Amino acid sequence: MTKLSWVVILATTFAGSLIGGILAERLFVAGVVHAQKANGVHAEEFLLLDQTGKARAGLGLDSNGEVGLVLTSRDGNRTLAFSPDGPVAAKLSDRSGRILWSAP
């Protein structure tokens, strides 16, 4: 292969890559993505996981749009739940769902 052939191959590869990149950017980009505020995080749910990956705490919205904070004991036997939108603002329940303590 001659030196001229290599130059033609390299120039064609470069031009094709450049044109392909421009076309891909124009055709396949869904839209502009805006960054979140530097001092804020936006999410529908936050989970705190232990070393085994089990959720121990959660803050989020339920299917009705009500906000809640749920804390679970290490052994999973007790759950403390807070929700200002529900009829009971705070409740401590056991694994079976029996309420051990509640506050209006």
N, C-alpha and C. Protein backbone atom coordinates (compact mmCIF):
# COMPACT_ATOMS: atom_id res chain seq x y z
N MET A 1 0.85 -1.16 0.00
CA MET A 1 0.00 0.00 0.00
C MET A 1 0.91 1.23 0.00
N THR A 2 0.55 2.19 -0.81
CA THR A 2 1.39 3.37 -0.95
C THR A 2 1.05 4.39 0.13
N LYS A 3 1.94 5.37 0.24
CA LYS A 3 1.75 6.43 1.22
C LYS A 3 0.48 7.23 0.91
N LEU A 4 0.20 7.45 -0.34
CA LEU A 4 -1.00 8.18 -0.75
C LEU A 4 -2.27 7.43 -0.35
N SER A 5 -2.24 6.10 -0.45
CA SER A 5 -3.40 5.28 -0.05
C SER A 5 -3.67 5.43 1.45
N TRP A 6 -2.60 5.43 2.24
CA TRP A 6 -2.77 5.60 3.69
C TRP A 6 -3.36 6.97 4.03
N VAL A 7 -2.89 8.00 3.36
CA VAL A 7 -3.40 9.35 3.60
C VAL A 7 -4.88 9.42 3.24
N VAL A 8 -5.25 8.83 2.11
CA VAL A 8 -6.66 8.83 1.68
C VAL A 8 -7.52 8.06 2.68
N ILE A 9 -7.06 6.93 3.15
CA ILE A 9 -7.81 6.13 4.12
C ILE A 9 -7.98 6.90 5.44
N LEU A 10 -6.90 7.50 5.93
CA LEU A 10 -6.97 8.27 7.17
C LEU A 10 -7.90 9.48 7.04
N ALA A 11 -7.81 10.20 5.92
CA ALA A 11 -8.66 11.37 5.71
C ALA A 11 -10.13 10.96 5.61
N THR A 12 -10.41 9.87 4.91
CA THR A 12 -11.78 9.38 4.79
C THR A 12 -12.33 8.93 6.14
N THR A 13 -11.51 8.25 6.92
CA THR A 13 -11.94 7.80 8.25
C THR A 13 -12.24 8.99 9.15
N PHE A 14 -11.36 9.99 9.14
CA PHE A 14 -11.55 11.18 9.95
C PHE A 14 -12.83 11.92 9.54
N ALA A 15 -13.00 12.14 8.24
CA ALA A 15 -14.18 12.87 7.75
C ALA A 15 -15.46 12.10 8.07
N GLY A 16 -15.44 10.79 7.88
CA GLY A 16 -16.62 9.98 8.17
C GLY A 16 -16.97 10.00 9.65
N SER A 17 -15.95 9.93 10.50
CA SER A 17 -16.19 9.98 11.94
C SER A 17 -16.76 11.32 12.35
N LEU A 18 -16.22 12.38 11.80
CA LEU A 18 -16.69 13.73 12.14
C LEU A 18 -18.14 13.92 11.68
N ILE A 19 -18.43 13.56 10.47
CA ILE A 19 -19.80 13.70 9.95
C ILE A 19 -20.76 12.79 10.71
N GLY A 20 -20.35 11.56 11.00
CA GLY A 20 -21.20 10.65 11.75
C GLY A 20 -21.48 11.17 13.16
N GLY A 21 -20.50 11.73 13.82
CA GLY A 21 -20.71 12.30 15.15
C GLY A 21 -21.68 13.47 15.13
N ILE A 22 -21.53 14.33 14.14
CA ILE A 22 -22.43 15.49 14.03
C ILE A 22 -23.86 15.03 13.77
N LEU A 23 -24.03 14.09 12.84
CA LEU A 23 -25.38 13.59 12.54
C LEU A 23 -25.99 12.87 13.74
N ALA A 24 -25.22 12.07 14.43
CA ALA A 24 -25.74 11.35 15.59
C ALA A 24 -26.18 12.32 16.67
N GLU A 25 -25.40 13.36 16.90
CA GLU A 25 -25.76 14.36 17.91
C GLU A 25 -27.05 15.07 17.54
N ARG A 26 -27.23 15.38 16.28
CA ARG A 26 -28.43 16.08 15.82
C ARG A 26 -29.66 15.17 15.80
N LEU A 27 -29.51 13.92 15.45
CA LEU A 27 -30.64 13.02 15.28
C LEU A 27 -31.08 12.33 16.56
N PHE A 28 -30.16 12.00 17.46
CA PHE A 28 -30.48 11.13 18.58
C PHE A 28 -30.50 11.79 19.94
N VAL A 29 -30.19 13.05 20.06
CA VAL A 29 -30.23 13.72 21.36
C VAL A 29 -31.68 14.08 21.67
N ALA A 30 -32.17 13.63 22.85
CA ALA A 30 -33.58 13.82 23.21
C ALA A 30 -33.87 15.27 23.59
N GLY A 31 -32.96 15.95 24.17
CA GLY A 31 -33.19 17.33 24.57
C GLY A 31 -32.10 17.77 25.53
N VAL A 32 -32.22 19.00 25.95
CA VAL A 32 -31.24 19.57 26.84
C VAL A 32 -31.51 19.09 28.26
N VAL A 33 -30.48 18.71 28.96
CA VAL A 33 -30.60 18.28 30.34
C VAL A 33 -30.08 19.41 31.22
N HIS A 34 -30.91 19.83 32.16
CA HIS A 34 -30.51 20.91 33.06
C HIS A 34 -30.04 20.32 34.38
N ALA A 35 -28.99 20.88 34.91
CA ALA A 35 -28.45 20.41 36.18
C ALA A 35 -29.34 20.86 37.34
N GLN A 36 -29.32 20.09 38.41
CA GLN A 36 -30.04 20.47 39.62
C GLN A 36 -29.30 21.60 40.30
N LYS A 37 -29.97 22.24 41.24
CA LYS A 37 -29.32 23.27 42.02
C LYS A 37 -28.12 22.67 42.74
N ALA A 38 -27.11 23.47 42.94
CA ALA A 38 -25.89 22.98 43.59
C ALA A 38 -26.14 22.56 45.03
N ASN A 39 -27.13 23.16 45.68
CA ASN A 39 -27.39 22.84 47.09
C ASN A 39 -28.66 22.04 47.28
N GLY A 40 -29.14 21.36 46.25
CA GLY A 40 -30.39 20.60 46.38
C GLY A 40 -30.33 19.30 45.61
N VAL A 41 -31.16 18.36 46.06
CA VAL A 41 -31.30 17.07 45.39
C VAL A 41 -32.79 16.84 45.17
N HIS A 42 -33.16 16.43 43.98
CA HIS A 42 -34.56 16.19 43.65
C HIS A 42 -34.78 14.71 43.43
N ALA A 43 -35.72 14.14 44.17
CA ALA A 43 -36.02 12.71 44.03
C ALA A 43 -37.42 12.46 44.58
N GLU A 44 -38.00 11.33 44.20
CA GLU A 44 -39.30 10.94 44.72
C GLU A 44 -39.17 10.05 45.95
N GLU A 45 -37.98 9.46 46.15
CA GLU A 45 -37.80 8.55 47.27
C GLU A 45 -36.32 8.50 47.65
N PHE A 46 -36.07 8.43 48.96
CA PHE A 46 -34.73 8.24 49.48
C PHE A 46 -34.75 7.01 50.38
N LEU A 47 -33.81 6.10 50.18
CA LEU A 47 -33.72 4.90 51.00
C LEU A 47 -32.36 4.84 51.67
N LEU A 48 -32.34 4.43 52.93
CA LEU A 48 -31.10 4.19 53.66
C LEU A 48 -30.98 2.68 53.81
N LEU A 49 -29.92 2.10 53.24
CA LEU A 49 -29.73 0.66 53.23
C LEU A 49 -28.63 0.26 54.20
N ASP A 50 -28.78 -0.92 54.83
CA ASP A 50 -27.71 -1.44 55.68
C ASP A 50 -26.68 -2.17 54.82
N GLN A 51 -25.69 -2.80 55.45
CA GLN A 51 -24.62 -3.46 54.71
C GLN A 51 -25.11 -4.61 53.84
N THR A 52 -26.24 -5.22 54.20
CA THR A 52 -26.76 -6.34 53.41
C THR A 52 -27.68 -5.89 52.29
N GLY A 53 -27.97 -4.58 52.20
CA GLY A 53 -28.83 -4.06 51.16
C GLY A 53 -30.29 -3.96 51.57
N LYS A 54 -30.60 -4.25 52.85
CA LYS A 54 -31.97 -4.18 53.33
C LYS A 54 -32.30 -2.72 53.68
N ALA A 55 -33.46 -2.24 53.24
CA ALA A 55 -33.88 -0.87 53.53
C ALA A 55 -34.20 -0.73 55.01
N ARG A 56 -33.53 0.21 55.68
CA ARG A 56 -33.75 0.45 57.10
C ARG A 56 -34.51 1.74 57.33
N ALA A 57 -34.45 2.67 56.39
CA ALA A 57 -35.17 3.94 56.51
C ALA A 57 -35.56 4.40 55.12
N GLY A 58 -36.68 5.06 55.04
CA GLY A 58 -37.14 5.58 53.76
C GLY A 58 -37.91 6.87 53.92
N LEU A 59 -37.72 7.76 53.00
CA LEU A 59 -38.45 9.02 52.94
C LEU A 59 -38.98 9.14 51.53
N GLY A 60 -40.30 9.29 51.40
CA GLY A 60 -40.84 9.36 50.06
C GLY A 60 -42.32 9.64 50.03
N LEU A 61 -42.88 9.51 48.84
CA LEU A 61 -44.30 9.73 48.59
C LEU A 61 -44.96 8.40 48.27
N ASP A 62 -46.17 8.19 48.80
CA ASP A 62 -46.89 6.97 48.44
C ASP A 62 -47.70 7.21 47.17
N SER A 63 -48.50 6.24 46.77
CA SER A 63 -49.26 6.34 45.52
C SER A 63 -50.31 7.45 45.55
N ASN A 64 -50.71 7.89 46.75
CA ASN A 64 -51.68 8.98 46.88
C ASN A 64 -51.01 10.35 46.97
N GLY A 65 -49.68 10.37 46.91
CA GLY A 65 -48.96 11.64 47.00
C GLY A 65 -48.72 12.09 48.42
N GLU A 66 -48.95 11.21 49.40
CA GLU A 66 -48.73 11.57 50.79
C GLU A 66 -47.29 11.28 51.17
N VAL A 67 -46.68 12.20 51.91
CA VAL A 67 -45.28 12.07 52.30
C VAL A 67 -45.17 11.24 53.58
N GLY A 68 -44.07 10.50 53.70
CA GLY A 68 -43.88 9.70 54.90
C GLY A 68 -42.42 9.38 55.14
N LEU A 69 -42.11 9.14 56.41
CA LEU A 69 -40.78 8.71 56.84
C LEU A 69 -40.96 7.41 57.59
N VAL A 70 -40.25 6.37 57.20
CA VAL A 70 -40.37 5.05 57.82
C VAL A 70 -38.99 4.61 58.30
N LEU A 71 -38.92 4.19 59.57
CA LEU A 71 -37.68 3.67 60.16
C LEU A 71 -37.95 2.24 60.61
N THR A 72 -37.03 1.33 60.29
CA THR A 72 -37.21 -0.08 60.63
C THR A 72 -36.09 -0.51 61.57
N SER A 73 -36.44 -1.32 62.59
CA SER A 73 -35.44 -1.80 63.53
C SER A 73 -34.45 -2.74 62.84
N ARG A 74 -33.31 -2.96 63.48
CA ARG A 74 -32.26 -3.79 62.90
C ARG A 74 -32.76 -5.18 62.57
N ASP A 75 -33.58 -5.77 63.47
CA ASP A 75 -34.08 -7.12 63.24
C ASP A 75 -35.36 -7.14 62.41
N GLY A 76 -35.91 -5.99 62.08
CA GLY A 76 -37.11 -5.92 61.25
C GLY A 76 -38.40 -6.16 62.00
N ASN A 77 -38.34 -6.26 63.33
CA ASN A 77 -39.54 -6.54 64.13
C ASN A 77 -40.40 -5.32 64.40
N ARG A 78 -39.82 -4.13 64.37
CA ARG A 78 -40.57 -2.91 64.66
C ARG A 78 -40.35 -1.88 63.56
N THR A 79 -41.42 -1.14 63.29
CA THR A 79 -41.36 -0.07 62.29
C THR A 79 -41.97 1.19 62.90
N LEU A 80 -41.27 2.30 62.76
CA LEU A 80 -41.75 3.59 63.22
C LEU A 80 -42.04 4.42 61.97
N ALA A 81 -43.28 4.87 61.83
CA ALA A 81 -43.69 5.59 60.63
C ALA A 81 -44.26 6.96 61.00
N PHE A 82 -43.87 7.97 60.24
CA PHE A 82 -44.36 9.34 60.41
C PHE A 82 -45.00 9.79 59.11
N SER A 83 -46.19 10.36 59.19
CA SER A 83 -46.85 10.90 58.01
C SER A 83 -47.80 12.01 58.44
N PRO A 84 -47.52 13.25 58.10
CA PRO A 84 -48.42 14.34 58.47
C PRO A 84 -49.73 14.32 57.70
N ASP A 85 -49.80 13.55 56.61
CA ASP A 85 -51.00 13.50 55.79
C ASP A 85 -52.01 12.45 56.25
N GLY A 86 -51.56 11.47 57.03
CA GLY A 86 -52.44 10.38 57.44
C GLY A 86 -53.24 10.72 58.69
N PRO A 87 -54.19 9.85 59.06
CA PRO A 87 -55.00 10.09 60.26
C PRO A 87 -54.17 9.98 61.54
N VAL A 88 -53.09 9.20 61.51
CA VAL A 88 -52.19 9.08 62.65
C VAL A 88 -50.84 9.63 62.21
N ALA A 89 -50.32 10.64 62.93
CA ALA A 89 -49.07 11.29 62.53
C ALA A 89 -47.85 10.39 62.76
N ALA A 90 -47.88 9.60 63.84
CA ALA A 90 -46.74 8.73 64.16
C ALA A 90 -47.28 7.42 64.71
N LYS A 91 -46.66 6.32 64.29
CA LYS A 91 -47.08 5.03 64.85
C LYS A 91 -45.91 4.05 64.85
N LEU A 92 -45.88 3.23 65.90
CA LEU A 92 -44.90 2.17 66.04
C LEU A 92 -45.65 0.87 65.92
N SER A 93 -45.23 0.03 64.99
CA SER A 93 -45.95 -1.23 64.78
C SER A 93 -44.96 -2.39 64.74
N ASP A 94 -45.49 -3.59 64.99
CA ASP A 94 -44.64 -4.79 64.93
C ASP A 94 -44.70 -5.38 63.52
N ARG A 95 -44.00 -6.48 63.34
CA ARG A 95 -43.89 -7.11 62.02
C ARG A 95 -45.24 -7.49 61.44
N SER A 96 -46.19 -7.87 62.28
CA SER A 96 -47.51 -8.30 61.79
C SER A 96 -48.41 -7.12 61.46
N GLY A 97 -47.96 -5.89 61.77
CA GLY A 97 -48.78 -4.72 61.50
C GLY A 97 -49.57 -4.22 62.69
N ARG A 98 -49.50 -4.92 63.82
CA ARG A 98 -50.19 -4.51 65.04
C ARG A 98 -49.55 -3.22 65.57
N ILE A 99 -50.38 -2.22 65.84
CA ILE A 99 -49.87 -0.93 66.32
C ILE A 99 -49.55 -1.04 67.80
N LEU A 100 -48.28 -0.77 68.17
CA LEU A 100 -47.83 -0.82 69.54
C LEU A 100 -47.98 0.53 70.21
N TRP A 101 -47.87 1.61 69.45
CA TRP A 101 -47.99 2.97 69.98
C TRP A 101 -48.34 3.88 68.81
N SER A 102 -49.13 4.92 69.07
CA SER A 102 -49.46 5.90 68.05
C SER A 102 -49.71 7.25 68.68
N ALA A 103 -49.56 8.28 67.87
CA ALA A 103 -49.83 9.64 68.31
C ALA A 103 -50.59 10.36 67.19
N PRO A 104 -51.56 11.17 67.58
CA PRO A 104 -52.39 11.85 66.57
C PRO A 104 -51.66 12.84 65.76
